[in-house]
């Protein structure tokens, strides 16, 4: 389960109060200029880009209602067996290392049946932490030779850099190798790739990389000659097919969170520069996969700010060439009491569907009720379908985000995200390479407090009023007698950028520090999450490889390179329970 962290006492108070909205303007807001250039191309929407994490502890993963909701949201990739739990999961016996949480009806075959119902491509995380190359190769054989499932994408481990190598052995990721260095991971990564491709040469092998700007990016542990990414890629760069990052940008306020998609271009550029450095002629074919993301480490997890963050994040990654983005999580549950964020209840749950749990004397909505984050992701279905062409667009203010897509039927769809929780936004739109039809336009929107996407005829292609904290997609038709957009001009290939500096109060990983479950009233709050998550996550600051732990007033105090980070000790999440 994801946790937010904050830096300094003021940030602690702000986050605990659930505040941090964009400040309203004193008077009437100026009209925001939106520009869309339909002649350009940022590439096509990936066929299985909109992904979601599922886990072996989620007994409701494959029910008819859940699979229908996933399909309706346009989910086209499902990740299995679930975060950190993957490094403890033995697929043949459907057991978890050290007795971790697992339920019977979530075997690999059950998962594949769910993926088929949803129409989603599977991505599987092989057990690196307590497994072997042979165990992974046997899984490939079972999946693709014996069963004919055709599982293409295979990650080798999950957040392996969290094995304690950079924090005096106090990590969150299972790793039973005697040597936990990036050098050892790189060597084993080559061995896994060789063994798995010997069974099925068509599989794609993914390497766990640290997120540029997030801990422990750029950190060198004692005895290492380079940091994680440079070491791993120098050894295995020519043996992998995709690089894996987890994107948890967080923020001490909701405004911070909603600014983070603008950082994705720099993060991607840094990754591509690293791949080019080590993969040689193979570099152009190495993909980038974001196999975990959500709004953790910010005040919002289920409320409207997180819903706005979701489509902005997906599209920003796709526009930079990522092949998939997998939200954490289908179901997660929580033992944390709900908070109020910008006047809305936030259940502090990493799932997009309610697990129906209760905490702090307040219960979630009925099981399987979609949280606002679900509707944020589902908003993407109004914007684009796989194969549609993403085009350049720009906004005159950071408080309104824009993404645009040329549909294959000749239309143009424009998503506008108003990030102000209190003020409507007046926008004027102009177009290059496309002449929209006159009159009112079809809009598909999701506003604060909504329980569905709303379709209406509203405004024109040139002028719209965006409700506060809303997602509005214009579905435009071309004017009669006008030609389709001019031949697309590909966007320039991203160039190397200066590595992204870690922002105060943000993280690029889901870190956990406590190894044992807390109990309540003498009984477990819930079984361990299938991703192996535990409460009280490790501070991920990127400031230093030296991390000191001590207890203070019920908080976990972590001094990292002189930066004091206060993390509340938390109880385990209920994953799918």
Protein backbone atom coordinates (compact mmCIF):
# COMPACT_ATOMS: atom_id res chain seq x y z
CA UNK A 1 0.00 0.00 0.00
CA UNK A 2 1.30 3.41 -0.91
CA UNK A 3 2.10 6.03 1.70
CA UNK A 4 2.67 9.71 1.41
CA UNK A 5 5.66 11.34 3.02
CA UNK A 6 6.26 14.93 3.92
CA UNK A 7 9.31 17.02 4.66
CA UNK A 8 9.40 19.24 7.72
CA UNK A 9 6.83 20.00 10.40
CA UNK A 10 4.82 22.47 8.29
CA UNK A 11 4.43 19.91 5.51
CA UNK A 12 3.37 17.29 8.04
CA UNK A 13 0.58 19.54 9.29
CA UNK A 14 -0.53 20.45 5.77
CA UNK A 15 -0.70 16.88 4.56
CA UNK A 16 -2.49 15.60 7.65
CA UNK A 17 -5.14 18.26 7.17
CA UNK A 18 -5.63 17.21 3.55
CA UNK A 19 -5.13 20.75 2.29
CA UNK A 20 -3.16 22.22 -0.56
CA UNK A 21 -5.56 23.17 -3.31
CA UNK A 22 -4.67 25.57 -6.04
CA UNK A 23 -5.48 29.02 -4.71
CA UNK A 24 -8.54 30.72 -6.23
CA UNK A 25 -8.03 33.99 -8.02
CA UNK A 26 -9.37 37.14 -6.50
CA UNK A 27 -11.41 38.22 -9.54
CA UNK A 28 -12.70 36.85 -12.78
CA UNK A 29 -10.13 34.58 -14.39
CA UNK A 30 -8.64 35.53 -17.74
CA UNK A 31 -9.49 33.35 -20.74
CA UNK A 32 -6.98 30.55 -21.20
CA UNK A 33 -5.63 30.04 -24.70
CA UNK A 34 -5.45 26.42 -25.93
CA UNK A 35 -3.59 25.59 -29.13
CA UNK A 36 -3.86 22.23 -30.99
CA UNK A 37 -1.71 21.38 -34.00
CA UNK A 38 -3.38 18.47 -35.77
CA UNK A 39 -0.60 18.36 -38.39
CA UNK A 40 1.91 16.97 -35.93
CA UNK A 41 2.37 13.49 -34.51
CA UNK A 42 3.58 12.41 -31.09
CA UNK A 43 3.09 8.78 -32.07
CA UNK A 44 0.08 6.53 -31.79
CA UNK A 45 -1.75 5.52 -28.64
CA UNK A 46 -0.21 2.15 -27.63
CA UNK A 47 -2.37 -0.93 -28.11
CA UNK A 48 -2.13 -2.00 -24.48
CA UNK A 49 -1.18 1.30 -22.90
CA UNK A 50 -3.85 1.71 -20.22
CA UNK A 51 -2.83 -0.83 -17.60
CA UNK A 52 -3.76 -1.84 -14.08
CA UNK A 53 -2.12 -3.84 -11.29
CA UNK A 54 -3.77 -7.00 -9.98
CA UNK A 55 -2.54 -9.32 -7.25
CA UNK A 56 -2.64 -12.84 -5.86
CA UNK A 57 -4.39 -11.60 -2.72
CA UNK A 58 -7.36 -10.15 -4.62
CA UNK A 59 -10.10 -12.77 -4.46
CA UNK A 60 -12.50 -10.52 -6.39
CA UNK A 61 -10.15 -9.89 -9.29
CA UNK A 62 -12.09 -12.01 -11.77
CA UNK A 63 -15.74 -11.54 -10.80
CA UNK A 64 -18.19 -10.60 -13.53
CA UNK A 65 -18.81 -7.13 -12.07
CA UNK A 66 -15.13 -6.34 -11.70
CA UNK A 67 -14.11 -7.55 -15.15
CA UNK A 68 -16.98 -5.54 -16.65
CA UNK A 69 -15.81 -2.40 -14.85
CA UNK A 70 -12.24 -2.91 -16.03
CA UNK A 71 -13.34 -3.45 -19.61
CA UNK A 72 -15.56 -0.37 -19.46
CA UNK A 73 -12.59 1.70 -18.30
CA UNK A 74 -10.59 0.71 -21.37
CA UNK A 75 -8.05 -1.34 -19.41
CA UNK A 76 -5.88 -3.16 -21.94
CA UNK A 77 -3.06 -4.49 -19.77
CA UNK A 78 -3.09 -6.32 -16.43
CA UNK A 79 0.01 -6.82 -14.29
CA UNK A 80 0.48 -9.96 -12.18
CA UNK A 81 1.23 -11.24 -9.51
CA UNK A 82 1.37 -7.87 -7.73
CA UNK A 83 4.20 -5.55 -6.73
CA UNK A 84 6.70 -6.70 -4.14
CA UNK A 85 4.81 -9.96 -3.72
CA UNK A 86 6.19 -11.00 -7.09
CA UNK A 87 9.60 -11.48 -5.48
CA UNK A 88 8.09 -13.99 -3.10
CA UNK A 89 5.62 -15.73 -5.43
CA UNK A 90 6.19 -19.30 -6.62
CA UNK A 91 3.83 -19.81 -9.54
CA UNK A 92 3.95 -23.62 -9.70
CA UNK A 93 2.69 -24.09 -6.14
CA UNK A 94 0.76 -20.79 -5.92
CA UNK A 95 2.51 -20.03 -2.65
CA UNK A 96 4.22 -17.00 -1.20
CA UNK A 97 7.69 -16.99 0.34
CA UNK A 98 7.69 -16.87 4.14
CA UNK A 99 3.96 -17.50 4.33
CA UNK A 100 2.84 -14.28 2.66
CA UNK A 101 -0.82 -13.53 1.94
CA UNK A 102 -2.42 -15.39 -0.95
CA UNK A 103 -5.90 -16.68 -1.85
CA UNK A 104 -6.81 -19.83 -3.81
CA UNK A 105 -8.71 -18.35 -6.75
CA UNK A 106 -5.88 -16.12 -7.97
CA UNK A 107 -3.57 -18.66 -9.61
CA UNK A 108 -1.84 -17.77 -12.85
CA UNK A 109 -4.55 -19.59 -14.82
CA UNK A 110 -7.25 -17.65 -12.96
CA UNK A 111 -5.42 -14.42 -13.78
CA UNK A 112 -5.16 -15.34 -17.45
CA UNK A 113 -8.90 -16.07 -17.53
CA UNK A 114 -9.51 -12.60 -16.08
CA UNK A 115 -7.23 -10.95 -18.64
CA UNK A 116 -9.10 -12.72 -21.44
CA UNK A 117 -12.49 -11.51 -20.13
CA UNK A 118 -11.21 -7.95 -19.93
CA UNK A 119 -9.45 -8.12 -23.29
CA UNK A 120 -6.18 -7.13 -21.69
CA UNK A 121 -2.59 -8.08 -22.45
CA UNK A 122 -0.83 -9.69 -19.47
CA UNK A 123 2.47 -8.46 -18.10
CA UNK A 124 4.08 -10.85 -15.62
CA UNK A 125 6.74 -10.16 -13.00
CA UNK A 126 9.07 -13.12 -12.60
CA UNK A 127 10.33 -13.94 -9.13
CA UNK A 128 13.82 -12.52 -8.78
CA UNK A 129 13.98 -12.14 -5.01
CA UNK A 130 13.47 -15.78 -4.05
CA UNK A 131 13.31 -17.48 -7.45
CA UNK A 132 15.72 -18.66 -10.14
CA UNK A 133 16.17 -18.27 -13.90
CA UNK A 134 14.97 -21.87 -14.26
CA UNK A 135 11.74 -21.17 -12.35
CA UNK A 136 11.09 -18.22 -14.66
CA UNK A 137 11.90 -20.25 -17.77
CA UNK A 138 9.51 -22.96 -16.62
CA UNK A 139 6.82 -20.29 -16.23
CA UNK A 140 7.41 -19.13 -19.81
CA UNK A 141 7.16 -22.73 -21.02
CA UNK A 142 3.91 -23.31 -19.16
CA UNK A 143 2.40 -20.02 -20.30
CA UNK A 144 3.44 -19.93 -23.93
CA UNK A 145 4.29 -23.50 -24.97
CA UNK A 146 1.98 -25.66 -22.86
CA UNK A 147 -1.01 -23.31 -22.55
CA UNK A 148 -0.55 -21.06 -25.57
CA UNK A 149 -1.26 -17.88 -23.60
CA UNK A 150 1.30 -15.86 -25.54
CA UNK A 151 2.53 -13.79 -22.60
CA UNK A 152 4.90 -11.33 -24.22
CA UNK A 153 6.13 -9.01 -21.45
CA UNK A 154 8.12 -10.33 -18.47
CA UNK A 155 9.64 -8.14 -15.75
CA UNK A 156 12.58 -9.54 -13.82
CA UNK A 157 11.75 -8.64 -10.24
CA UNK A 158 9.99 -5.68 -8.68
CA UNK A 159 11.83 -2.65 -7.23
CA UNK A 160 14.89 -4.82 -6.66
CA UNK A 161 16.89 -1.72 -5.65
CA UNK A 162 14.73 -1.74 -2.49
CA UNK A 163 16.46 -4.89 -1.23
CA UNK A 164 18.46 -3.02 1.42
CA UNK A 165 21.64 -2.52 -0.63
CA UNK A 166 21.32 1.25 -0.30
CA UNK A 167 19.99 1.39 3.25
CA UNK A 168 22.13 -0.84 5.46
CA UNK A 169 19.99 -3.89 4.80
CA UNK A 170 16.73 -2.18 5.80
CA UNK A 171 14.81 -2.62 2.56
CA UNK A 172 11.28 -3.58 1.63
CA UNK A 173 11.91 -5.94 -1.28
CA UNK A 174 12.54 -9.68 -0.81
CA UNK A 175 16.00 -10.57 -2.11
CA UNK A 176 17.63 -13.77 -0.90
CA UNK A 177 20.76 -13.38 -3.00
CA UNK A 178 23.89 -13.11 -0.88
CA UNK A 179 25.01 -10.23 -3.08
CA UNK A 180 22.33 -7.56 -3.41
CA UNK A 181 24.30 -5.13 -5.53
CA UNK A 182 23.27 -3.76 -8.93
CA UNK A 183 26.17 -5.71 -10.42
CA UNK A 184 24.66 -8.97 -9.21
CA UNK A 185 21.22 -7.99 -10.47
CA UNK A 186 22.67 -7.13 -13.88
CA UNK A 187 24.42 -10.49 -14.15
CA UNK A 188 21.33 -12.40 -13.06
CA UNK A 189 19.19 -10.35 -15.41
CA UNK A 190 21.27 -11.64 -18.33
CA UNK A 191 20.87 -15.20 -17.02
CA UNK A 192 17.10 -14.81 -16.73
CA UNK A 193 16.85 -13.38 -20.24
CA UNK A 194 18.93 -16.19 -21.71
CA UNK A 195 16.96 -18.95 -19.98
CA UNK A 196 13.53 -17.48 -20.78
CA UNK A 197 14.30 -16.68 -24.43
CA UNK A 198 15.66 -20.19 -24.92
CA UNK A 199 12.09 -21.36 -24.28
CA UNK A 200 10.35 -18.63 -26.27
CA UNK A 201 12.51 -16.22 -28.29
CA UNK A 202 9.53 -13.87 -28.75
CA UNK A 203 9.24 -12.87 -25.08
CA UNK A 204 10.35 -9.38 -24.04
CA UNK A 205 12.47 -9.05 -20.93
CA UNK A 206 12.27 -5.99 -18.67
CA UNK A 207 14.93 -4.55 -16.37
CA UNK A 208 14.07 -2.84 -13.07
CA UNK A 209 15.46 0.71 -13.18
CA UNK A 210 15.36 3.50 -10.62
CA UNK A 211 13.19 6.46 -11.56
CA UNK A 212 15.32 9.50 -12.45
CA UNK A 213 14.94 11.95 -9.59
CA UNK A 214 13.68 9.34 -7.12
CA UNK A 215 15.62 7.42 -4.49
CA UNK A 216 18.10 5.76 -4.99
CA UNK A 217 18.76 7.33 -8.36
CA UNK A 218 22.40 8.51 -8.67
CA UNK A 219 23.31 6.95 -5.31
CA UNK A 220 26.47 4.83 -5.09
CA UNK A 221 26.61 2.35 -2.23
CA UNK A 222 29.93 1.47 -0.61
CA UNK A 223 31.92 -0.78 -2.92
CA UNK A 224 30.01 0.18 -6.07
CA UNK A 225 31.68 2.00 -8.92
CA UNK A 226 28.43 3.47 -10.27
CA UNK A 227 24.76 3.90 -9.40
CA UNK A 228 21.98 1.35 -10.06
CA UNK A 229 20.94 2.33 -13.58
CA UNK A 230 24.44 2.77 -15.00
CA UNK A 231 25.61 -0.49 -13.44
CA UNK A 232 22.64 -2.62 -14.50
CA UNK A 233 22.50 -1.26 -18.04
CA UNK A 234 26.25 -1.54 -18.56
CA UNK A 235 25.92 -5.28 -17.92
CA UNK A 236 22.48 -6.10 -19.34
CA UNK A 237 21.69 -3.26 -21.74
CA UNK A 238 21.98 -5.48 -24.80
CA UNK A 239 19.97 -8.32 -23.23
CA UNK A 240 16.77 -6.46 -22.35
CA UNK A 241 13.76 -5.33 -24.36
CA UNK A 242 12.28 -2.75 -22.01
CA UNK A 243 13.19 -0.67 -19.00
CA UNK A 244 10.83 -0.48 -16.02
CA UNK A 245 10.19 2.53 -13.83
CA UNK A 246 7.63 3.25 -11.11
CA UNK A 247 6.18 6.74 -11.01
CA UNK A 248 5.05 7.99 -7.60
CA UNK A 249 5.79 11.74 -7.81
CA UNK A 250 3.62 12.64 -4.79
CA UNK A 251 3.62 16.10 -3.29
CA UNK A 252 2.86 17.75 0.02
CA UNK A 253 -0.24 19.37 -1.50
CA UNK A 254 -2.73 18.45 -4.19
CA UNK A 255 -1.41 21.37 -6.24
CA UNK A 256 2.07 19.79 -6.08
CA UNK A 257 0.68 16.48 -7.29
CA UNK A 258 -1.12 18.03 -10.25
CA UNK A 259 2.06 19.73 -11.45
CA UNK A 260 4.07 16.50 -11.65
CA UNK A 261 3.06 15.27 -15.14
CA UNK A 262 5.10 18.16 -16.53
CA UNK A 263 8.23 16.39 -15.23
CA UNK A 264 7.67 13.25 -17.29
CA UNK A 265 9.40 14.57 -20.42
CA UNK A 266 12.63 15.14 -18.48
CA UNK A 267 12.45 11.74 -16.77
CA UNK A 268 11.93 10.00 -20.12
CA UNK A 269 14.78 11.89 -21.76
CA UNK A 270 17.15 10.81 -19.00
CA UNK A 271 16.08 7.17 -19.39
CA UNK A 272 16.54 7.23 -23.15
CA UNK A 273 19.98 8.75 -22.76
CA UNK A 274 20.98 5.88 -20.44
CA UNK A 275 19.61 3.25 -22.80
CA UNK A 276 21.40 4.83 -25.77
CA UNK A 277 24.64 4.81 -23.81
CA UNK A 278 24.59 1.08 -23.12
CA UNK A 279 22.30 -0.70 -25.59
CA UNK A 280 24.09 0.37 -28.76
CA UNK A 281 22.24 -0.34 -32.00
CA UNK A 282 19.62 -2.16 -29.93
CA UNK A 283 18.68 1.06 -28.10
CA UNK A 284 15.96 2.21 -30.50
CA UNK A 285 13.93 -0.92 -29.86
CA UNK A 286 14.15 -0.77 -26.05
CA UNK A 287 10.75 0.26 -24.67
CA UNK A 288 9.85 2.15 -21.51
CA UNK A 289 7.18 0.61 -19.27
CA UNK A 290 5.68 2.35 -16.24
CA UNK A 291 4.40 -0.66 -14.34
CA UNK A 292 3.25 1.19 -11.21
CA UNK A 293 1.86 4.66 -10.65
CA UNK A 294 -0.74 6.45 -8.55
CA UNK A 295 -1.14 9.54 -6.37
CA UNK A 296 0.51 8.05 -3.28
CA UNK A 297 2.74 10.31 -1.18
CA UNK A 298 0.25 13.14 -1.69
CA UNK A 299 -2.85 14.04 0.36
CA UNK A 300 -5.17 12.50 -2.26
CA UNK A 301 -5.55 8.83 -3.15
CA UNK A 302 -9.21 8.35 -4.07
CA UNK A 303 -10.55 11.92 -4.31
CA UNK A 304 -10.80 14.29 -7.26
CA UNK A 305 -7.18 15.49 -7.37
CA UNK A 306 -6.06 11.88 -7.89
CA UNK A 307 -8.74 11.49 -10.57
CA UNK A 308 -7.35 14.49 -12.47
CA UNK A 309 -3.78 13.23 -12.02
CA UNK A 310 -4.61 9.88 -13.66
CA UNK A 311 -5.40 10.79 -17.31
CA UNK A 312 -2.82 13.58 -17.31
CA UNK A 313 -0.18 11.08 -16.22
CA UNK A 314 -1.18 8.36 -18.67
CA UNK A 315 -1.22 10.72 -21.64
CA UNK A 316 2.01 12.49 -20.66
CA UNK A 317 3.83 9.14 -20.58
CA UNK A 318 2.28 8.00 -23.87
CA UNK A 319 3.25 11.26 -25.55
CA UNK A 320 6.85 10.57 -24.48
CA UNK A 321 6.76 7.09 -25.99
CA UNK A 322 5.99 4.82 -23.01
CA UNK A 323 4.36 1.58 -24.15
CA UNK A 324 2.21 1.15 -21.06
CA UNK A 325 1.26 2.73 -17.75
CA UNK A 326 -0.15 0.46 -15.01
CA UNK A 327 -2.12 2.11 -12.20
CA UNK A 328 -1.76 0.81 -8.67
CA UNK A 329 -4.22 -0.89 -7.98
CA UNK A 330 -7.47 -2.71 -8.83
CA UNK A 331 -8.35 -3.30 -5.16
CA UNK A 332 -6.12 -2.31 -2.27
CA UNK A 333 -8.09 -1.49 0.85
CA UNK A 334 -6.72 0.42 3.80
CA UNK A 335 -6.65 0.52 7.57
CA UNK A 336 -6.23 4.31 7.55
CA UNK A 337 -9.09 6.58 8.55
CA UNK A 338 -10.56 8.68 5.72
CA UNK A 339 -9.49 12.31 5.41
CA UNK A 340 -11.07 15.36 3.85
CA UNK A 341 -9.29 16.70 0.77
CA UNK A 342 -10.66 19.86 -0.85
CA UNK A 343 -14.06 19.24 0.73
CA UNK A 344 -14.29 15.64 -0.42
CA UNK A 345 -13.83 12.39 1.50
CA UNK A 346 -10.62 10.63 0.55
CA UNK A 347 -10.53 7.01 1.69
CA UNK A 348 -6.71 6.79 1.52
CA UNK A 349 -7.04 3.63 -0.58
CA UNK A 350 -4.75 2.78 -3.49
CA UNK A 351 -7.45 0.85 -5.33
CA UNK A 352 -9.73 2.21 -8.05
CA UNK A 353 -12.62 0.11 -6.72
CA UNK A 354 -13.82 0.13 -3.13
CA UNK A 355 -12.84 -2.84 -0.97
CA UNK A 356 -15.69 -2.01 1.42
CA UNK A 357 -13.41 -1.76 4.45
CA UNK A 358 -13.90 0.40 7.54
CA UNK A 359 -11.34 2.43 9.46
CA UNK A 360 -11.48 5.17 12.04
CA UNK A 361 -15.17 4.55 12.56
CA UNK A 362 -16.01 5.32 8.93
CA UNK A 363 -16.63 2.81 6.15
CA UNK A 364 -15.92 2.96 2.46
CA UNK A 365 -18.79 2.81 -0.03
CA UNK A 366 -20.13 -0.64 -0.92
CA UNK A 367 -17.61 -3.06 -2.38
CA UNK A 368 -16.81 -2.45 -6.06
CA UNK A 369 -18.04 1.14 -5.99
CA UNK A 370 -15.75 3.04 -8.36
CA UNK A 371 -13.65 5.73 -6.71
CA UNK A 372 -13.08 9.00 -8.62
CA UNK A 373 -9.73 7.59 -9.79
CA UNK A 374 -11.66 4.95 -11.73
CA UNK A 375 -13.57 7.66 -13.58
CA UNK A 376 -10.37 9.60 -14.20
CA UNK A 377 -8.91 6.57 -15.96
CA UNK A 378 -12.17 5.83 -17.75
CA UNK A 379 -12.15 9.39 -19.12
CA UNK A 380 -9.40 8.25 -21.46
CA UNK A 381 -11.94 6.17 -23.40
CA UNK A 382 -13.57 9.43 -24.55
CA UNK A 383 -10.24 10.78 -25.77
CA UNK A 384 -8.53 7.97 -27.62
CA UNK A 385 -8.51 4.42 -28.84
CA UNK A 386 -5.38 2.37 -29.54
CA UNK A 387 -3.87 3.40 -32.83
CA UNK A 388 -5.17 6.98 -32.73
CA UNK A 389 -2.51 9.66 -33.30
CA UNK A 390 -1.47 11.94 -30.46
CA UNK A 391 -0.79 15.51 -31.59
CA UNK A 392 0.90 18.53 -30.09
CA UNK A 393 -1.15 20.82 -27.91
CA UNK A 394 -0.40 23.61 -25.47
CA UNK A 395 -2.11 25.62 -22.75
CA UNK A 396 -1.60 29.21 -21.71
CA UNK A 397 -1.58 28.21 -18.03
CA UNK A 398 -0.38 25.29 -15.93
CA UNK A 399 -3.79 25.18 -14.19
CA UNK A 400 -5.39 23.76 -17.35
CA UNK A 401 -3.80 20.70 -18.95
CA UNK A 402 -4.53 19.67 -22.52
CA UNK A 403 -4.06 16.49 -24.56
CA UNK A 404 -5.25 16.00 -28.12
CA UNK A 405 -5.71 12.99 -30.39
CA UNK A 406 -6.60 12.62 -34.07
CA UNK A 407 -9.03 9.73 -34.32
CA UNK A 408 -8.87 7.32 -37.22
CA UNK A 409 -12.29 8.45 -38.45
CA UNK A 410 -10.92 11.92 -39.18
CA UNK A 411 -12.15 13.63 -36.03
CA UNK A 412 -10.16 15.39 -33.35
CA UNK A 413 -10.59 14.83 -29.60
CA UNK A 414 -9.27 17.33 -27.06
CA UNK A 415 -9.08 16.62 -23.31
CA UNK A 416 -9.03 19.65 -21.01
CA UNK A 417 -8.27 19.25 -17.29
CA UNK A 418 -9.13 22.15 -14.98
CA UNK A 419 -6.88 21.78 -11.93
CA UNK A 420 -8.50 24.52 -9.85
CA UNK A 421 -10.74 23.05 -7.12
CA UNK A 422 -12.81 26.24 -6.83
CA UNK A 423 -12.78 28.19 -10.08
CA UNK A 424 -14.27 27.47 -13.47
CA UNK A 425 -11.92 28.10 -16.38
CA UNK A 426 -12.84 29.95 -19.57
CA UNK A 427 -10.85 28.60 -22.50
CA UNK A 428 -10.52 29.63 -26.12
CA UNK A 429 -9.24 27.05 -28.57
CA UNK A 430 -7.44 27.42 -31.89
CA UNK A 431 -6.41 24.74 -34.36
CA UNK A 432 -3.81 24.16 -37.03
CA UNK A 433 -4.42 21.50 -39.68
CA UNK A 434 -8.04 20.98 -38.66
CA UNK A 435 -11.23 22.92 -39.25
CA UNK A 436 -13.94 21.94 -36.75
CA UNK A 437 -17.61 21.88 -37.65
CA UNK A 438 -19.66 24.86 -36.51
CA UNK A 439 -22.15 24.73 -33.67
CA UNK A 440 -22.18 23.06 -30.28
CA UNK A 441 -19.89 20.08 -29.74
CA UNK A 442 -20.17 16.77 -27.96
CA UNK A 443 -18.38 16.80 -24.62
CA UNK A 444 -17.68 13.93 -22.25
CA UNK A 445 -16.90 15.16 -18.76
CA UNK A 446 -16.20 14.10 -15.21
CA UNK A 447 -16.65 16.66 -12.44
CA UNK A 448 -16.10 16.57 -8.69
CA UNK A 449 -18.68 14.41 -6.96
CA UNK A 450 -19.69 12.63 -10.17
CA UNK A 451 -20.58 8.95 -10.30
CA UNK A 452 -20.33 8.58 -14.07
CA UNK A 453 -19.01 10.25 -17.20
CA UNK A 454 -21.50 12.79 -18.56
CA UNK A 455 -22.06 13.27 -22.29
CA UNK A 456 -23.66 16.52 -23.47
CA UNK A 457 -23.76 19.11 -26.22
CA UNK A 458 -21.97 22.12 -24.77
CA UNK A 459 -20.05 25.14 -25.96
CA UNK A 460 -18.24 25.27 -29.29
CA UNK A 461 -14.95 24.07 -30.68
CA UNK A 462 -13.59 27.59 -30.08
CA UNK A 463 -14.87 28.30 -26.55
CA UNK A 464 -15.63 26.21 -23.49
CA UNK A 465 -16.26 26.76 -19.79
CA UNK A 466 -14.60 24.09 -17.66
CA UNK A 467 -16.12 23.37 -14.25
CA UNK A 468 -13.75 23.42 -11.26
CA UNK A 469 -11.68 20.25 -10.76
CA UNK A 470 -12.99 18.64 -13.94
CA UNK A 471 -12.01 16.60 -16.97
CA UNK A 472 -13.74 17.64 -20.21
CA UNK A 473 -13.13 15.98 -23.58
CA UNK A 474 -14.33 17.67 -26.78
CA UNK A 475 -15.16 15.22 -29.55
CA UNK A 476 -14.86 17.34 -32.69
CA UNK A 477 -15.96 16.61 -36.25
CA UNK A 478 -14.36 18.33 -39.21
CA UNK A 479 -16.30 20.98 -41.06
CA UNK A 480 -18.14 19.70 -44.15
CA UNK A 481 -16.07 19.96 -47.29
CA UNK A 482 -12.75 20.26 -45.47
CA UNK A 483 -9.97 17.76 -45.89
CA UNK A 484 -8.47 15.75 -43.09
CA UNK A 485 -5.46 17.16 -41.31
CA UNK A 486 -2.35 17.67 -43.36
CA UNK A 487 0.21 14.88 -43.36
CA UNK A 488 1.49 14.54 -39.83
CA UNK A 489 4.90 15.89 -38.98
CA UNK A 490 6.63 13.58 -36.46
CA UNK A 491 7.79 15.21 -33.27
CA UNK A 492 11.56 15.48 -32.81
CA UNK A 493 13.22 12.50 -31.17
CA UNK A 494 13.65 13.25 -27.45
CA UNK A 495 17.20 14.26 -26.65
CA UNK A 496 19.20 13.71 -23.52
CA UNK A 497 18.43 16.05 -20.69
CA UNK A 498 20.09 16.89 -17.47
CA UNK A 499 19.02 14.25 -14.93
CA UNK A 500 15.94 15.35 -13.04
CA UNK A 501 16.63 16.57 -9.54
CA UNK A 502 14.46 14.99 -6.86
CA UNK A 503 11.78 17.36 -5.64
CA UNK A 504 11.42 17.89 -1.94
CA UNK A 505 8.67 15.66 -0.65
CA UNK A 506 8.46 13.41 -3.72
CA UNK A 507 9.51 9.88 -4.43
CA UNK A 508 9.86 7.57 -7.38
CA UNK A 509 9.12 4.35 -5.56
CA UNK A 510 6.67 2.65 -3.23
CA UNK A 511 8.90 2.04 -0.23
CA UNK A 512 8.04 0.00 2.82
CA UNK A 513 10.09 -0.27 6.03
CA UNK A 514 8.25 -2.36 8.60
CA UNK A 515 8.45 -6.10 8.15
CA UNK A 516 5.67 -7.26 10.45
CA UNK A 517 1.94 -6.60 10.35
CA UNK A 518 0.44 -4.43 13.04
CA UNK A 519 -2.64 -5.78 14.80
CA UNK A 520 -5.76 -4.14 16.09
CA UNK A 521 -7.79 -5.39 19.05
CA UNK A 522 -5.62 -8.50 19.12
CA UNK A 523 -6.45 -9.51 15.55
CA UNK A 524 -4.78 -8.67 12.25
CA UNK A 525 -6.21 -5.64 10.55
CA UNK A 526 -5.89 -7.60 7.31
CA UNK A 527 -3.68 -10.11 5.56
CA UNK A 528 -0.46 -8.90 4.02
CA UNK A 529 -0.98 -7.35 0.64
CA UNK A 530 0.03 -9.58 -2.26
CA UNK A 531 2.61 -7.04 -3.30
CA UNK A 532 4.34 -7.69 -0.01
CA UNK A 533 3.64 -4.20 1.17
CA UNK A 534 4.10 -3.39 4.80
CA UNK A 535 3.44 -0.27 6.74
CA UNK A 536 5.69 2.68 7.50
CA UNK A 537 7.53 3.04 4.20
CA UNK A 538 11.18 3.87 3.77
CA UNK A 539 11.96 7.51 3.07
CA UNK A 540 12.91 7.87 -0.56
CA UNK A 541 14.69 11.16 -0.91
CA UNK A 542 17.63 10.60 -3.21
CA UNK A 543 19.66 12.81 -0.89
CA UNK A 544 22.13 10.25 0.36
CA UNK A 545 22.78 6.55 0.65
CA UNK A 546 23.12 6.95 4.42
CA UNK A 547 19.82 6.30 6.13
CA UNK A 548 19.32 6.28 9.91
CA UNK A 549 16.23 4.85 11.57
CA UNK A 550 14.81 5.64 14.99
CA UNK A 551 11.43 5.83 16.69
CA UNK A 552 10.02 9.14 17.87
CA UNK A 553 6.51 9.78 19.14
CA UNK A 554 4.87 7.04 17.05
CA UNK A 555 6.61 8.27 13.89
CA UNK A 556 9.36 6.68 11.89
CA UNK A 557 12.13 9.23 11.71
CA UNK A 558 14.54 8.84 8.83
CA UNK A 559 17.56 11.08 8.50
CA UNK A 560 18.82 10.87 4.95
CA UNK A 561 21.77 13.03 4.01
CA UNK A 562 20.78 15.66 6.57
CA UNK A 563 17.16 15.81 5.36
CA UNK A 564 14.68 14.97 8.09
CA UNK A 565 11.68 13.01 6.85
CA UNK A 566 8.80 12.08 9.14
CA UNK A 567 6.80 9.04 8.17
CA UNK A 568 3.80 7.90 10.19
CA UNK A 569 3.83 4.24 11.12
CA UNK A 570 0.89 2.66 9.34
CA UNK A 571 -0.94 -0.60 9.52
CA UNK A 572 -1.03 -2.94 6.56
CA UNK A 573 -3.40 -2.48 3.70
CA UNK A 574 -6.21 -4.88 3.01
CA UNK A 575 -5.63 -5.92 -0.56
CA UNK A 576 -8.85 -7.02 -2.18
CA UNK A 577 -10.37 -7.97 1.16
